[in-house]
Amino acid sequence: MWRNRRHVHATGRLGHTLLLDPGDFRMRVHHHLALAVSLALLGGCAQSPTDDATTTVETAAPAPASDAATAWLADVEAIAAAGDNAGRRNAIEQQLKSLGLAWTGETFESEHGPGQNLIAEVSGDASAPLLLLGAHSDRVGEGKGATDNASGSAVVLALAERFKQQPLANHRVSIAFWDQEERGLLGAHAYVAKGGPAPAQYVNFDVFGWGDTVWMMTPDPAHPLVGASQSAANAAGLHLSAGEQYPPTDHRAFLKAGWPAVSYSLVGQDEIGAILAAYAGTKPETTPKVMHVIHSERDTLAQLDANAAASGIDAIEAALRQWDANAAAGAAATATGSD
């Protein structure tokens, strides 16, 4: 996640399509959930970084306290347990199958070799504006990529389940899992280069594993999703930090094309300033947890707080439903004013 390397040109081409029998109920694949919970409970203190910046000491995360937290952690575990990025995509495909969703594998070529994005339609009328939810599925070589970014992929799966069960009134919903984000956002760029389809709104998820703050990247502070996210975060007992300053991830490919995009993370409120300082090249006094965990051997299930993630997912779902309803109200007001 949060890449800062130069983008490399990638072109996309349509790959194979897999069709599955739809189902109205979810039979999620809980790969050794007991092991996941044990790992979460055993999350000990993080090792000190090699520099002399003070590092926040991590405490063990609580066990999942709800079905939503348990399901999210199980999805993260299934993805993180894979030995390579192809295995991570396969784990996601299994979860899509359990949701009764058909997916398309869109392949592309880059200087790093072939890649594959996974795209699935979730719900809604085909003529409705598109809400696209996405997260990158790939990881770097170190660690398990649990935080970066099995956590975000599992958020997309959770929202897909909810929007399949109760579709939005005014938007159709599709989901995407991007490959080669860690190589320079290449999967997202390939989707854009192929021509989309362009969404009415793209919503990205990257690093969604703990903390008390929904961190929202938005280029427009007056974006309707900002107010909806603030209300939803308040209701969930969370903070919202919204603004343009945010580490680079897949939303940038959409913004570069002129397509509306925002991105969400879930972190500690006290981490954000230090994260931005680190990306600006300033050494923070305290190394934030996220910078200590991602792209390292510490990126494992032990770092995650499934209960915080479940609260964050509740907030995002509520925000998107409010945004969807407000979009219809705004369109109706515009139509009335033009009469």
Protein backbone atom coordinates (compact mmCIF):
# COMPACT_ATOMS: atom_id res chain seq x y z
CA MET A 1 0.00 0.00 0.00
CA TRP A 2 0.82 3.69 0.01
CA ARG A 3 3.35 3.50 -2.76
CA ASN A 4 5.70 6.34 -3.53
CA ARG A 5 7.51 4.89 -6.50
CA ARG A 6 7.28 6.09 -10.06
CA HIS A 7 4.34 4.70 -12.01
CA VAL A 8 5.10 2.34 -14.89
CA HIS A 9 2.88 2.22 -17.97
CA ALA A 10 0.63 -0.83 -18.13
CA THR A 11 -1.98 -1.84 -20.66
CA GLY A 12 -4.93 -4.05 -19.89
CA ARG A 13 -6.80 -6.70 -21.83
CA LEU A 14 -9.85 -8.66 -20.90
CA GLY A 15 -9.09 -12.06 -19.48
CA HIS A 16 -11.28 -15.02 -18.64
CA THR A 17 -14.69 -14.95 -16.99
CA LEU A 18 -15.79 -17.36 -14.31
CA LEU A 19 -19.52 -17.82 -13.72
CA LEU A 20 -20.81 -19.34 -10.54
CA ASP A 21 -24.15 -20.51 -9.29
CA PRO A 22 -25.66 -17.63 -7.31
CA GLY A 23 -26.59 -18.12 -3.70
CA ASP A 24 -28.74 -16.08 -1.35
CA PHE A 25 -26.77 -17.04 1.71
CA ARG A 26 -23.12 -16.83 2.65
CA MET A 27 -21.02 -19.84 3.52
CA ARG A 28 -17.73 -18.13 4.34
CA VAL A 29 -14.56 -20.16 4.35
CA HIS A 30 -13.19 -19.91 7.87
CA HIS A 31 -9.67 -21.25 7.35
CA HIS A 32 -8.53 -22.27 10.80
CA LEU A 33 -10.28 -19.37 12.51
CA ALA A 34 -9.15 -20.61 15.88
CA LEU A 35 -5.57 -20.12 14.74
CA ALA A 36 -6.37 -16.56 13.63
CA VAL A 37 -7.90 -15.70 16.97
CA SER A 38 -4.97 -17.24 18.80
CA LEU A 39 -2.52 -15.23 16.72
CA ALA A 40 -4.45 -12.05 17.39
CA LEU A 41 -4.40 -12.72 21.11
CA LEU A 42 -0.72 -13.53 21.06
CA GLY A 43 0.24 -10.26 19.37
CA GLY A 44 3.10 -9.18 21.56
CA CYS A 45 5.20 -6.07 21.61
CA ALA A 46 6.58 -5.04 18.23
CA GLN A 47 10.31 -5.08 17.68
CA SER A 48 12.14 -1.79 17.68
CA PRO A 49 13.05 -0.34 14.28
CA THR A 50 16.66 0.01 13.29
CA ASP A 51 16.60 3.81 13.63
CA ASP A 52 16.52 5.59 16.95
CA ALA A 53 13.00 6.97 16.68
CA THR A 54 10.76 5.99 19.54
CA THR A 55 8.35 3.22 18.57
CA THR A 56 4.87 2.84 19.96
CA VAL A 57 4.64 -0.45 21.89
CA GLU A 58 1.76 -2.59 20.67
CA THR A 59 -0.56 -4.53 22.93
CA ALA A 60 -2.40 -7.72 22.11
CA ALA A 61 -5.63 -7.16 20.19
CA PRO A 62 -8.87 -8.43 21.73
CA ALA A 63 -10.63 -11.48 20.37
CA PRO A 64 -13.46 -10.84 17.88
CA ALA A 65 -16.61 -9.90 19.76
CA SER A 66 -19.15 -10.08 16.92
CA ASP A 67 -20.00 -12.15 13.88
CA ALA A 68 -18.86 -9.28 11.64
CA ALA A 69 -15.47 -9.10 13.35
CA THR A 70 -15.08 -12.88 13.18
CA ALA A 71 -15.94 -13.02 9.47
CA TRP A 72 -13.58 -10.14 8.62
CA LEU A 73 -10.70 -11.76 10.50
CA ALA A 74 -11.36 -15.10 8.80
CA ASP A 75 -11.21 -13.45 5.38
CA VAL A 76 -7.98 -11.67 6.26
CA GLU A 77 -6.49 -14.94 7.47
CA ALA A 78 -7.47 -16.81 4.31
CA ILE A 79 -5.83 -14.18 2.11
CA ALA A 80 -2.74 -13.73 4.27
CA ALA A 81 -2.14 -17.48 4.50
CA ALA A 82 -1.45 -17.71 0.76
CA GLY A 83 2.15 -18.18 -0.24
CA ASP A 84 2.11 -15.76 -3.18
CA ASN A 85 -0.08 -13.18 -4.88
CA ALA A 86 -1.75 -15.75 -7.14
CA GLY A 87 -2.71 -17.64 -3.99
CA ARG A 88 -4.13 -14.47 -2.48
CA ARG A 89 -6.32 -13.97 -5.53
CA ASN A 90 -7.44 -17.58 -5.28
CA ALA A 91 -8.44 -17.03 -1.64
CA ILE A 92 -10.50 -14.01 -2.68
CA GLU A 93 -12.12 -16.04 -5.46
CA GLN A 94 -13.18 -18.64 -2.90
CA GLN A 95 -14.85 -15.93 -0.83
CA LEU A 96 -16.58 -14.52 -3.93
CA LYS A 97 -17.82 -18.03 -4.67
CA SER A 98 -19.22 -18.32 -1.14
CA LEU A 99 -21.08 -15.05 -1.71
CA GLY A 100 -22.61 -16.37 -4.95
CA LEU A 101 -20.85 -13.69 -7.02
CA ALA A 102 -19.48 -14.17 -10.52
CA TRP A 103 -16.11 -12.58 -11.15
CA THR A 104 -13.99 -11.67 -14.13
CA GLY A 105 -10.21 -11.97 -14.23
CA GLU A 106 -8.84 -9.02 -16.23
CA THR A 107 -5.23 -9.67 -17.16
CA PHE A 108 -2.64 -7.05 -18.03
CA GLU A 109 1.05 -6.85 -18.80
CA SER A 110 3.68 -4.70 -17.14
CA GLU A 111 7.45 -4.65 -17.02
CA HIS A 112 7.10 -6.83 -13.90
CA GLY A 113 5.24 -9.54 -15.79
CA PRO A 114 1.57 -10.46 -16.14
CA GLY A 115 -0.93 -9.30 -13.57
CA GLN A 116 -4.60 -9.93 -12.96
CA ASN A 117 -7.36 -7.82 -11.47
CA LEU A 118 -10.54 -9.45 -10.17
CA ILE A 119 -13.84 -7.66 -10.91
CA ALA A 120 -17.30 -8.71 -9.69
CA GLU A 121 -20.75 -7.19 -10.05
CA VAL A 122 -22.60 -7.20 -6.73
CA SER A 123 -26.06 -5.64 -7.07
CA GLY A 124 -28.14 -2.93 -8.65
CA ASP A 125 -29.75 -2.13 -11.98
CA ALA A 126 -27.35 -2.18 -14.91
CA SER A 127 -28.51 1.28 -15.96
CA ALA A 128 -27.77 2.86 -12.57
CA PRO A 129 -24.58 4.88 -11.89
CA LEU A 130 -21.67 2.69 -10.80
CA LEU A 131 -20.24 2.66 -7.29
CA LEU A 132 -16.95 0.75 -7.48
CA LEU A 133 -15.31 -0.51 -4.28
CA GLY A 134 -11.72 -1.71 -4.51
CA ALA A 135 -8.57 -2.79 -2.70
CA HIS A 136 -5.25 -4.20 -3.82
CA SER A 137 -4.77 -7.91 -3.28
CA ASP A 138 -1.00 -8.15 -3.73
CA ARG A 139 1.70 -7.87 -1.08
CA VAL A 140 5.43 -7.36 -0.86
CA GLY A 141 7.79 -10.25 -0.15
CA GLU A 142 8.17 -9.59 3.58
CA GLY A 143 5.54 -10.62 6.09
CA LYS A 144 2.08 -11.97 5.38
CA GLY A 145 0.52 -8.79 4.04
CA ALA A 146 -2.25 -9.02 6.63
CA THR A 147 -2.48 -5.28 7.21
CA ASP A 148 -1.21 -4.41 3.74
CA ASN A 149 -3.60 -5.27 2.29
CA ALA A 150 -5.59 -8.37 3.20
CA SER A 151 -7.33 -6.05 5.66
CA GLY A 152 -8.62 -3.78 2.88
CA SER A 153 -9.57 -6.71 0.66
CA ALA A 154 -11.60 -8.19 3.52
CA VAL A 155 -13.43 -4.86 3.95
CA VAL A 156 -14.46 -4.98 0.29
CA LEU A 157 -15.72 -8.56 0.74
CA ALA A 158 -17.71 -7.55 3.82
CA LEU A 159 -19.32 -4.59 2.04
CA ALA A 160 -20.07 -6.76 -1.00
CA GLU A 161 -21.99 -9.17 1.21
CA ARG A 162 -24.01 -6.35 2.74
CA PHE A 163 -24.81 -4.61 -0.54
CA LYS A 164 -25.77 -7.93 -2.12
CA GLN A 165 -28.21 -8.63 0.70
CA GLN A 166 -29.55 -5.07 0.71
CA PRO A 167 -28.73 -3.24 -2.53
CA LEU A 168 -28.40 0.52 -2.74
CA ALA A 169 -31.45 2.31 -4.05
CA ASN A 170 -29.73 4.54 -6.60
CA HIS A 171 -26.40 2.98 -7.56
CA ARG A 172 -25.23 -0.38 -8.80
CA VAL A 173 -22.27 -1.80 -6.93
CA SER A 174 -19.23 -3.60 -8.28
CA ILE A 175 -16.01 -4.59 -6.52
CA ALA A 176 -12.41 -4.88 -7.66
CA PHE A 177 -9.21 -6.38 -6.33
CA TRP A 178 -6.13 -4.81 -7.91
CA ASP A 179 -2.88 -6.59 -8.68
CA GLN A 180 0.62 -5.03 -8.67
CA GLU A 181 -0.25 -2.05 -6.49
CA GLU A 182 3.05 -2.60 -4.76
CA ARG A 183 4.79 -2.22 -8.15
CA GLY A 184 3.32 1.22 -8.75
CA LEU A 185 -0.50 0.98 -8.77
CA LEU A 186 -0.27 -0.98 -12.01
CA GLY A 187 -3.49 -2.98 -11.75
CA ALA A 188 -5.60 0.12 -11.15
CA HIS A 189 -3.82 1.93 -13.98
CA ALA A 190 -4.52 -1.03 -16.28
CA TYR A 191 -8.23 -0.87 -15.46
CA VAL A 192 -8.30 2.84 -16.28
CA ALA A 193 -6.26 2.33 -19.46
CA LYS A 194 -8.76 -0.31 -20.60
CA GLY A 195 -11.54 2.23 -20.24
CA GLY A 196 -13.19 1.04 -17.06
CA PRO A 197 -16.15 1.20 -17.00
CA ALA A 198 -15.73 4.58 -15.31
CA PRO A 199 -17.49 4.75 -11.95
CA ALA A 200 -19.69 7.55 -10.68
CA GLN A 201 -17.61 7.06 -7.53
CA TYR A 202 -14.60 4.87 -6.76
CA VAL A 203 -13.94 4.02 -3.11
CA ASN A 204 -10.58 2.50 -2.20
CA PHE A 205 -9.52 0.63 0.95
CA ASP A 206 -5.90 0.24 2.00
CA VAL A 207 -4.65 -0.64 5.51
CA PHE A 208 -7.80 -1.08 7.59
CA GLY A 209 -6.60 -3.01 10.57
CA TRP A 210 -6.85 -1.15 13.90
CA GLY A 211 -7.37 2.21 15.56
CA ASP A 212 -10.01 4.76 16.40
CA THR A 213 -9.96 6.88 13.25
CA VAL A 214 -11.40 6.49 9.77
CA TRP A 215 -8.80 8.25 7.62
CA MET A 216 -10.39 9.46 4.40
CA MET A 217 -8.54 10.78 1.38
CA THR A 218 -10.69 13.21 -0.55
CA PRO A 219 -9.54 15.91 -2.96
CA ASP A 220 -12.73 17.86 -2.18
CA PRO A 221 -13.55 18.74 1.45
CA ALA A 222 -17.13 19.47 0.36
CA HIS A 223 -17.58 16.01 -1.18
CA PRO A 224 -20.95 14.58 -0.07
CA LEU A 225 -19.20 11.49 1.26
CA VAL A 226 -17.28 13.62 3.78
CA GLY A 227 -20.37 14.70 5.67
CA ALA A 228 -21.86 11.22 5.42
CA SER A 229 -18.62 9.71 6.70
CA GLN A 230 -18.48 12.16 9.61
CA SER A 231 -22.01 11.30 10.71
CA ALA A 232 -21.38 7.57 10.34
CA ALA A 233 -18.05 7.69 12.19
CA ASN A 234 -19.64 9.60 15.06
CA ALA A 235 -22.42 7.03 15.30
CA ALA A 236 -19.85 4.20 15.38
CA GLY A 237 -17.80 5.88 18.12
CA LEU A 238 -14.93 6.65 15.73
CA HIS A 239 -13.10 9.79 14.64
CA LEU A 240 -12.91 10.94 11.02
CA SER A 241 -9.86 12.57 9.49
CA ALA A 242 -10.68 13.75 5.95
CA GLY A 243 -8.48 15.66 3.55
CA GLU A 244 -6.21 15.55 0.53
CA GLN A 245 -3.02 14.65 2.41
CA TYR A 246 -2.83 10.87 2.32
CA PRO A 247 -0.25 8.31 1.19
CA PRO A 248 -0.40 7.24 -2.47
CA THR A 249 -2.45 4.17 -3.33
CA ASP A 250 -4.85 2.97 -6.04
CA HIS A 251 -7.29 5.89 -5.87
CA ARG A 252 -4.62 7.98 -7.63
CA ALA A 253 -5.06 6.06 -10.88
CA PHE A 254 -8.72 7.10 -10.93
CA LEU A 255 -8.08 10.72 -10.00
CA LYS A 256 -5.43 10.97 -12.70
CA ALA A 257 -8.06 9.91 -15.24
CA GLY A 258 -10.50 12.51 -13.90
CA TRP A 259 -12.72 9.86 -12.31
CA PRO A 260 -14.15 10.59 -8.81
CA ALA A 261 -12.25 8.68 -6.13
CA VAL A 262 -11.69 8.58 -2.39
CA SER A 263 -9.75 6.19 -0.16
CA TYR A 264 -10.25 4.97 3.40
CA SER A 265 -7.89 3.56 6.01
CA LEU A 266 -8.43 2.67 9.67
CA VAL A 267 -5.59 3.74 11.95
CA GLY A 268 -4.97 5.41 15.29
CA GLN A 269 -5.67 9.13 15.39
CA ASP A 270 -2.22 9.77 16.82
CA GLU A 271 -0.55 8.00 13.87
CA ILE A 272 -1.70 10.26 11.05
CA GLY A 273 0.59 13.22 11.64
CA ALA A 274 3.63 10.98 11.98
CA ILE A 275 2.70 9.01 8.84
CA LEU A 276 2.44 12.19 6.79
CA ALA A 277 5.71 13.45 8.24
CA ALA A 278 7.45 10.22 7.26
CA TYR A 279 6.15 10.46 3.69
CA ALA A 280 7.29 14.08 3.58
CA GLY A 281 10.81 12.94 4.47
CA THR A 282 10.73 14.17 8.07
CA LYS A 283 11.73 11.75 10.78
CA PRO A 284 8.87 11.55 13.30
CA GLU A 285 9.63 11.54 17.01
CA THR A 286 7.52 8.41 17.37
CA THR A 287 7.33 5.74 14.69
CA PRO A 288 3.61 5.13 14.02
CA LYS A 289 2.47 1.54 14.21
CA VAL A 290 1.53 1.37 10.54
CA MET A 291 5.02 2.39 9.41
CA HIS A 292 6.50 -0.19 11.74
CA VAL A 293 4.27 -3.01 10.50
CA ILE A 294 3.77 -2.75 6.75
CA HIS A 295 6.40 -4.07 4.33
CA SER A 296 8.03 -6.05 7.13
CA GLU A 297 7.95 -9.47 8.78
CA ARG A 298 5.69 -7.89 11.42
CA ASP A 299 2.79 -7.64 8.98
CA THR A 300 0.87 -10.59 10.40
CA LEU A 301 -2.53 -11.30 11.93
CA ALA A 302 -1.14 -10.52 15.37
CA GLN A 303 -1.27 -6.79 14.66
CA LEU A 304 -4.97 -6.61 13.81
CA ASP A 305 -7.99 -5.52 15.83
CA ALA A 306 -11.02 -7.19 14.27
CA ASN A 307 -13.46 -5.32 16.51
CA ALA A 308 -12.14 -1.94 15.40
CA ALA A 309 -12.29 -3.09 11.77
CA ALA A 310 -15.91 -4.21 12.19
CA SER A 311 -16.83 -0.79 13.60
CA GLY A 312 -15.08 0.84 10.66
CA ILE A 313 -16.96 -1.34 8.17
CA ASP A 314 -20.27 -0.40 9.84
CA ALA A 315 -19.35 3.27 9.49
CA ILE A 316 -18.38 2.98 5.82
CA GLU A 317 -21.55 1.08 4.97
CA ALA A 318 -23.69 3.70 6.71
CA ALA A 319 -21.83 6.53 4.95
CA LEU A 320 -22.28 4.98 1.52
CA ARG A 321 -25.98 4.37 2.12
CA GLN A 322 -26.45 7.99 3.23
CA TRP A 323 -24.46 9.22 0.21
CA ASP A 324 -26.60 7.06 -2.09
CA ALA A 325 -29.83 8.46 -0.62
CA ASN A 326 -28.53 12.03 -0.75
CA ALA A 327 -27.55 11.61 -4.40
CA ALA A 328 -31.14 10.79 -5.28
CA ALA A 329 -32.44 13.70 -3.24
CA GLY A 330 -30.00 16.06 -4.95
CA ALA A 331 -31.00 14.83 -8.38
CA ALA A 332 -34.67 15.33 -7.55
CA ALA A 333 -34.04 18.89 -6.31
CA THR A 334 -32.12 19.70 -9.48
CA ALA A 335 -34.93 18.36 -11.65
CA THR A 336 -37.50 20.41 -9.72
CA GLY A 337 -35.44 23.57 -10.04
CA SER A 338 -35.15 23.15 -13.82
CA ASP A 339 -38.95 22.94 -14.30
